Protein backbone atom coordinates (compact mmCIF):
# COMPACT_ATOMS: atom_id res chain seq x y z
CA MET A 1 11.29 2.95 12.13
CA ARG A 2 13.58 4.75 9.79
CA TYR A 3 14.21 8.47 9.60
CA TYR A 4 14.86 10.84 6.72
CA LYS A 5 18.47 12.00 6.78
CA ASN A 6 17.52 15.68 7.26
CA ILE A 7 14.12 15.28 8.86
CA PHE A 8 11.92 18.31 8.19
CA MET A 9 10.79 20.09 11.37
CA ASP A 10 7.90 22.52 11.69
CA LYS A 11 9.13 25.91 12.86
CA GLY A 12 6.14 26.10 15.24
CA TYR A 13 8.02 24.37 18.04
CA ARG A 14 9.75 26.48 20.69
CA ASP A 15 12.41 23.83 21.15
CA ILE A 16 12.90 22.36 17.69
CA GLU A 17 16.03 20.38 18.60
CA GLY A 18 14.43 18.98 21.77
CA THR A 19 11.32 17.91 19.87
CA LYS A 20 13.45 16.37 17.15
CA ALA A 21 15.47 14.45 19.76
CA GLU A 22 12.30 13.01 21.32
CA ILE A 23 10.98 11.92 17.93
CA LEU A 24 14.30 10.31 16.99
CA LYS A 25 14.13 8.34 20.27
CA GLY A 26 10.71 7.04 19.21
CA LYS A 27 8.81 9.03 21.80
CA GLY A 28 5.48 10.70 21.13
CA VAL A 29 5.28 14.47 21.44
CA PHE A 30 2.01 16.29 22.22
CA ASN A 31 0.24 17.39 19.03
CA ALA A 32 3.18 16.28 16.87
CA TYR A 33 2.11 14.83 13.55
CA LEU A 34 4.52 12.70 11.57
CA ILE A 35 4.65 12.59 7.81
CA TYR A 36 6.00 9.25 6.73
CA THR A 37 6.11 6.65 3.99
CA ASP A 38 4.75 3.16 4.49
CA PRO A 39 6.04 0.65 1.92
CA GLN A 40 2.95 -1.49 2.59
CA SER A 41 0.54 1.32 1.66
CA ASP A 42 -0.56 2.58 -1.74
CA ASN A 43 -0.61 6.14 -0.41
CA MET A 44 2.15 8.57 -1.29
CA PHE A 45 2.51 9.77 2.31
CA GLU A 46 0.85 9.03 5.62
CA ILE A 47 0.05 11.55 8.37
CA ALA A 48 -0.52 10.45 11.97
CA LEU A 49 0.02 11.61 15.53
CA SER A 50 3.44 10.64 16.83
CA ASP A 51 1.78 8.84 19.78
CA HIS A 52 -0.06 6.58 17.33
CA VAL A 53 2.97 5.88 15.15
CA PHE A 54 5.17 4.97 18.12
CA ARG A 55 2.72 2.51 19.69
CA THR A 56 4.07 -0.94 20.45
CA ARG A 57 2.06 -2.55 17.65
CA ASN A 58 3.94 -0.39 15.13
CA GLU A 59 7.47 -0.88 16.46
CA ASN A 60 8.40 -3.34 13.71
CA LYS A 61 6.83 -1.36 10.88
CA ASP A 62 9.12 -0.10 8.15
CA TYR A 63 7.89 3.48 8.27
CA GLY A 64 10.18 6.14 6.84
CA ILE A 65 9.60 9.29 8.87
CA ILE A 66 10.19 12.38 6.75
CA ALA A 67 8.80 15.31 8.71
CA VAL A 68 7.34 16.48 12.03
CA SER A 69 4.68 19.16 12.24
CA ARG A 70 2.77 20.84 15.00
CA GLY A 71 -0.87 20.10 14.27
CA LEU A 72 -2.75 18.42 11.45
CA SER A 73 -3.22 21.53 9.31
CA ALA A 74 0.52 22.22 9.46
CA ALA A 75 1.17 18.60 8.43
CA LYS A 76 -1.08 18.98 5.39
CA LYS A 77 0.72 22.19 4.43
CA MET A 78 4.06 20.43 4.81
CA VAL A 79 2.94 17.62 2.48
CA LYS A 80 1.83 20.25 -0.03
CA LEU A 81 5.27 21.87 0.16
CA LEU A 82 7.02 18.51 -0.32
CA ILE A 83 4.93 17.89 -3.43
CA GLU A 84 5.44 21.41 -4.80
CA GLU A 85 9.20 21.13 -4.29
CA TRP A 86 9.22 17.77 -6.07
CA LEU A 87 7.30 19.21 -9.03
CA THR A 88 9.86 21.98 -9.55
CA GLU A 89 12.26 19.32 -10.79
CA HIS A 90 9.92 16.59 -12.07
CA GLU A 91 7.01 16.46 -14.53
CA ASP A 92 4.77 14.36 -12.30
CA LEU A 93 4.66 12.60 -8.94
CA ASN A 94 6.08 9.30 -10.18
CA GLY A 95 8.90 8.26 -7.89
CA ILE A 96 8.29 10.72 -5.02
CA LYS A 97 7.41 8.03 -2.48
CA GLU A 98 10.36 5.88 -3.50
CA TYR A 99 12.68 8.90 -3.37
CA TYR A 100 11.84 9.77 0.23
CA ASN A 101 11.53 6.16 1.32
CA SER A 102 14.99 5.32 -0.03
CA ARG A 103 16.54 8.20 1.92
CA CYS A 104 15.32 7.00 5.28
CA SER A 105 17.58 4.82 7.39
């Protein structure tokens, strides 16, 4: 797993720093959805529960985790915001996945 330099955190958590620390340790957090890139996928972004992403079968995956949200609807809104922000400086979505993926380490 790789993590975006300034991972985006949903403001819905009471303890944002504690939640962030658990995610950075590779631990699932209740109702925490991760937004990430998967170089093996054709999708721009993936959304999944942190418990699913951090399962043993995924430990060697090259996921680039960009953001953490509280709940699926919040994750979808966060993806929308990422795309809207991208489009303020770009004409289309070409390169967005590569941009975020390249900034994960």
